[in-house]
Amino acid sequence: MTTASVLESLDATRCPVCGEQNRCAIEVARETGEPQPPCWCMAADFRKAPLAAVPQEMRGKACICARCAAGTPADS
């Protein structure tokens, strides 16, 4: 898959690590035009986040979710 095709198929409302909803208030405001309260990420601790797992072409394009930011593995 090329970088262009990855970006075309990117869903900025989903975590690029696990694919779950990222609940990004900034993205909701951008898509709806409606003001949102501050995003959960403004107070989150990202020290345990698996940021290396975010594909290079998706970095800076979509937020990771709160579970991934906390470094909590997905349920199997």
Protein backbone atom coordinates (compact mmCIF):
# COMPACT_ATOMS: atom_id res chain seq x y z
CA MET A 1 0.00 0.00 0.00
CA THR A 2 1.41 3.39 -0.93
CA THR A 3 1.56 6.36 1.41
CA ALA A 4 -1.02 8.17 -0.74
CA SER A 5 -3.48 5.26 -0.53
CA VAL A 6 -2.96 4.94 3.23
CA LEU A 7 -3.70 8.64 3.72
CA GLU A 8 -6.77 8.44 1.46
CA SER A 9 -8.17 5.59 3.54
CA LEU A 10 -7.19 7.16 6.89
CA ASP A 11 -10.03 7.58 9.36
CA ALA A 12 -8.87 10.30 11.75
CA THR A 13 -11.54 9.23 14.26
CA ARG A 14 -9.79 5.86 14.78
CA CYS A 15 -6.59 5.02 16.64
CA PRO A 16 -3.79 4.19 14.18
CA VAL A 17 -2.43 1.59 16.63
CA CYS A 18 -5.52 -0.50 17.48
CA GLY A 19 -8.24 0.83 15.15
CA GLU A 20 -10.70 1.69 17.93
CA GLN A 21 -12.45 5.08 18.21
CA ASN A 22 -9.97 7.66 19.54
CA ARG A 23 -12.65 10.05 20.80
CA CYS A 24 -10.61 13.04 19.68
CA ALA A 25 -12.55 16.22 20.53
CA ILE A 26 -10.38 18.21 18.15
CA GLU A 27 -11.33 15.93 15.23
CA VAL A 28 -15.03 16.03 16.21
CA ALA A 29 -14.89 19.85 16.24
CA ARG A 30 -13.16 19.87 12.85
CA GLU A 31 -15.71 17.52 11.29
CA THR A 32 -18.87 19.01 12.82
CA GLY A 33 -17.95 22.66 13.24
CA GLU A 34 -19.33 22.40 16.77
CA PRO A 35 -17.15 23.53 19.69
CA GLN A 36 -16.08 20.67 21.95
CA PRO A 37 -14.78 20.54 25.51
CA PRO A 38 -11.01 20.09 25.84
CA CYS A 39 -9.88 16.75 24.45
CA TRP A 40 -9.00 13.94 26.89
CA CYS A 41 -5.48 14.01 25.47
CA MET A 42 -4.75 17.45 26.91
CA ALA A 43 -4.47 15.87 30.38
CA ALA A 44 -3.25 12.39 29.35
CA ASP A 45 0.06 10.83 30.33
CA PHE A 46 1.66 9.45 27.16
CA ARG A 47 4.82 8.03 28.79
CA LYS A 48 3.63 4.42 28.32
CA ALA A 49 2.15 4.97 24.85
CA PRO A 50 3.46 2.65 22.12
CA LEU A 51 4.21 5.56 19.79
CA ALA A 52 6.69 3.48 17.81
CA ALA A 53 3.71 1.30 16.75
CA VAL A 54 2.13 4.20 14.84
CA PRO A 55 2.94 3.68 11.15
CA GLN A 56 5.24 6.44 9.88
CA GLU A 57 2.77 7.58 7.21
CA MET A 58 0.02 7.98 9.84
CA ARG A 59 2.01 10.02 12.36
CA GLY A 60 0.47 13.41 12.92
CA LYS A 61 -2.64 12.40 10.96
CA ALA A 62 -4.76 10.64 13.62
CA CYS A 63 -4.69 10.50 17.41
CA ILE A 64 -4.14 7.31 19.33
CA CYS A 65 -6.89 6.28 21.75
CA ALA A 66 -6.81 6.67 25.54
CA ARG A 67 -6.16 2.94 26.08
CA CYS A 68 -3.14 2.95 23.76
CA ALA A 69 -1.92 6.23 25.25
CA ALA A 70 -1.91 4.52 28.66
CA GLY A 71 0.01 1.56 27.22
CA THR A 72 -2.83 -0.85 28.06
CA PRO A 73 -2.97 -3.77 25.61
CA ALA A 74 -6.23 -4.51 23.79
CA ASP A 75 -8.34 -7.39 25.05
CA SER A 76 -7.65 -10.54 23.09
